[in-house]
Amino acid sequence: MAGKKSSAEKRHRQSEERRIRNKAVKSSVRTSVRKFTALTKKKDLGEAEIALKEMIKKLDTAAGKGVIKKNTAARKKSRMQRLFNTLRAAQ
């Protein structure tokens, strides 16, 4: 048999590395969404605004990398912005 490794083994290694990287990005997005929603429940307007900007940045980055779809990012941003606007209007 030939001593070379097959291209399938390399492809498997690459896909595993990408899967782990994508998992980390998705996890950080979910964490930022949870952080923002927790702050809105506390009705902390200043901290919520900072968390919203951070969350939007993470969503845009994930969408740009192709980890999540662009429409998914847009939908999440829209919903969170609407939640923030209702909080601001209530105060």
C-alpha atoms as a PDB file:
ATOM      1  CA  MET A   1       0.000   0.000   0.000  1.00  0.00           C
ATOM      2  CA  ALA A   2       1.023   3.572  -0.537  1.00  0.00           C
ATOM      3  CA  GLY A   3       2.393   5.493   2.447  1.00  0.00           C
ATOM      4  CA  LYS A   4       0.360   8.644   1.742  1.00  0.00           C
ATOM      5  CA  LYS A   5      -2.604   9.684   3.820  1.00  0.00           C
ATOM      6  CA  SER A   6      -5.838  10.001   1.958  1.00  0.00           C
ATOM      7  CA  SER A   7      -7.408  13.346   1.186  1.00  0.00           C
ATOM      8  CA  ALA A   8     -10.491  12.186   3.089  1.00  0.00           C
ATOM      9  CA  GLU A   9      -8.487  12.124   6.322  1.00  0.00           C
ATOM     10  CA  LYS A  10      -7.293  15.668   5.715  1.00  0.00           C
ATOM     11  CA  ARG A  11     -10.817  16.802   4.873  1.00  0.00           C
ATOM     12  CA  HIS A  12     -12.055  15.223   8.106  1.00  0.00           C
ATOM     13  CA  ARG A  13      -9.397  17.064  10.149  1.00  0.00           C
ATOM     14  CA  GLN A  14     -10.278  20.357   8.483  1.00  0.00           C
ATOM     15  CA  SER A  15     -13.997  19.944   9.006  1.00  0.00           C
ATOM     16  CA  GLU A  16     -13.445  19.038  12.668  1.00  0.00           C
ATOM     17  CA  GLU A  17     -11.372  22.200  13.209  1.00  0.00           C
ATOM     18  CA  ARG A  18     -14.051  24.305  11.512  1.00  0.00           C
ATOM     19  CA  ARG A  19     -16.813  22.653  13.533  1.00  0.00           C
ATOM     20  CA  ILE A  20     -15.051  23.507  16.800  1.00  0.00           C
ATOM     21  CA  ARG A  21     -14.384  27.080  15.659  1.00  0.00           C
ATOM     22  CA  ASN A  22     -17.998  27.552  14.538  1.00  0.00           C
ATOM     23  CA  LYS A  23     -19.260  26.086  17.807  1.00  0.00           C
ATOM     24  CA  ALA A  24     -17.249  28.669  19.762  1.00  0.00           C
ATOM     25  CA  VAL A  25     -18.634  31.535  17.662  1.00  0.00           C
ATOM     26  CA  LYS A  26     -22.236  30.318  18.053  1.00  0.00           C
ATOM     27  CA  SER A  27     -21.734  29.906  21.778  1.00  0.00           C
ATOM     28  CA  SER A  28     -20.444  33.459  22.172  1.00  0.00           C
ATOM     29  CA  VAL A  29     -23.424  34.781  20.194  1.00  0.00           C
ATOM     30  CA  ARG A  30     -25.874  32.885  22.395  1.00  0.00           C
ATOM     31  CA  THR A  31     -24.106  34.127  25.531  1.00  0.00           C
ATOM     32  CA  SER A  32     -24.319  37.743  24.397  1.00  0.00           C
ATOM     33  CA  VAL A  33     -28.042  37.344  23.606  1.00  0.00           C
ATOM     34  CA  ARG A  34     -28.664  35.857  27.064  1.00  0.00           C
ATOM     35  CA  LYS A  35     -26.693  38.670  28.694  1.00  0.00           C
ATOM     36  CA  PHE A  36     -28.730  41.299  26.848  1.00  0.00           C
ATOM     37  CA  THR A  37     -32.100  39.726  27.685  1.00  0.00           C
ATOM     38  CA  ALA A  38     -31.121  39.429  31.354  1.00  0.00           C
ATOM     39  CA  LEU A  39     -30.271  43.139  31.434  1.00  0.00           C
ATOM     40  CA  THR A  40     -33.573  44.062  29.800  1.00  0.00           C
ATOM     41  CA  LYS A  41     -35.435  42.048  32.433  1.00  0.00           C
ATOM     42  CA  LYS A  42     -33.562  44.018  35.104  1.00  0.00           C
ATOM     43  CA  LYS A  43     -34.570  47.189  33.214  1.00  0.00           C
ATOM     44  CA  ASP A  44     -30.961  48.409  33.218  1.00  0.00           C
ATOM     45  CA  LEU A  45     -31.060  50.732  30.210  1.00  0.00           C
ATOM     46  CA  GLY A  46     -27.407  51.830  30.146  1.00  0.00           C
ATOM     47  CA  GLU A  47     -25.902  48.356  30.462  1.00  0.00           C
ATOM     48  CA  ALA A  48     -28.494  46.931  28.058  1.00  0.00           C
ATOM     49  CA  GLU A  49     -27.473  49.417  25.382  1.00  0.00           C
ATOM     50  CA  ILE A  50     -23.823  48.392  25.701  1.00  0.00           C
ATOM     51  CA  ALA A  51     -24.787  44.714  25.625  1.00  0.00           C
ATOM     52  CA  LEU A  52     -26.970  45.325  22.556  1.00  0.00           C
ATOM     53  CA  LYS A  53     -24.081  46.880  20.637  1.00  0.00           C
ATOM     54  CA  GLU A  54     -21.801  43.993  21.605  1.00  0.00           C
ATOM     55  CA  MET A  55     -24.435  41.446  20.589  1.00  0.00           C
ATOM     56  CA  ILE A  56     -24.995  43.121  17.211  1.00  0.00           C
ATOM     57  CA  LYS A  57     -21.258  43.091  16.562  1.00  0.00           C
ATOM     58  CA  LYS A  58     -21.029  39.383  17.369  1.00  0.00           C
ATOM     59  CA  LEU A  59     -24.038  38.571  15.178  1.00  0.00           C
ATOM     60  CA  ASP A  60     -22.584  40.511  12.251  1.00  0.00           C
ATOM     61  CA  THR A  61     -19.227  38.787  12.672  1.00  0.00           C
ATOM     62  CA  ALA A  62     -20.841  35.333  12.778  1.00  0.00           C
ATOM     63  CA  ALA A  63     -22.954  36.119   9.710  1.00  0.00           C
ATOM     64  CA  GLY A  64     -19.929  37.453   7.852  1.00  0.00           C
ATOM     65  CA  LYS A  65     -17.990  34.265   8.558  1.00  0.00           C
ATOM     66  CA  GLY A  66     -20.927  32.150   7.406  1.00  0.00           C
ATOM     67  CA  VAL A  67     -21.407  30.531  10.817  1.00  0.00           C
ATOM     68  CA  ILE A  68     -25.036  31.675  10.846  1.00  0.00           C
ATOM     69  CA  LYS A  69     -27.125  32.888   7.937  1.00  0.00           C
ATOM     70  CA  LYS A  70     -27.389  36.615   7.281  1.00  0.00           C
ATOM     71  CA  ASN A  71     -31.188  36.592   7.620  1.00  0.00           C
ATOM     72  CA  THR A  72     -30.922  34.810  10.964  1.00  0.00           C
ATOM     73  CA  ALA A  73     -28.595  37.527  12.216  1.00  0.00           C
ATOM     74  CA  ALA A  74     -30.906  40.239  10.888  1.00  0.00           C
ATOM     75  CA  ARG A  75     -33.935  38.631  12.531  1.00  0.00           C
ATOM     76  CA  LYS A  76     -32.216  38.344  15.915  1.00  0.00           C
ATOM     77  CA  LYS A  77     -30.932  41.934  15.732  1.00  0.00           C
ATOM     78  CA  SER A  78     -34.394  43.196  14.840  1.00  0.00           C
ATOM     79  CA  ARG A  79     -36.068  41.369  17.718  1.00  0.00           C
ATOM     80  CA  MET A  80     -33.510  42.523  20.260  1.00  0.00           C
ATOM     81  CA  GLN A  81     -33.636  46.111  19.005  1.00  0.00           C
ATOM     82  CA  ARG A  82     -37.425  46.036  19.323  1.00  0.00           C
ATOM     83  CA  LEU A  83     -37.114  44.724  22.889  1.00  0.00           C
ATOM     84  CA  PHE A  84     -34.650  47.513  23.712  1.00  0.00           C
ATOM     85  CA  ASN A  85     -36.927  50.161  22.175  1.00  0.00           C
ATOM     86  CA  THR A  86     -39.887  49.016  24.275  1.00  0.00           C
ATOM     87  CA  LEU A  87     -37.700  49.180  27.380  1.00  0.00           C
ATOM     88  CA  ARG A  88     -36.574  52.709  26.472  1.00  0.00           C
ATOM     89  CA  ALA A  89     -40.157  53.820  25.749  1.00  0.00           C
ATOM     90  CA  ALA A  90     -41.329  52.482  29.123  1.00  0.00           C
ATOM     91  CA  GLN A  91     -38.837  54.686  30.988  1.00  0.00           C
END
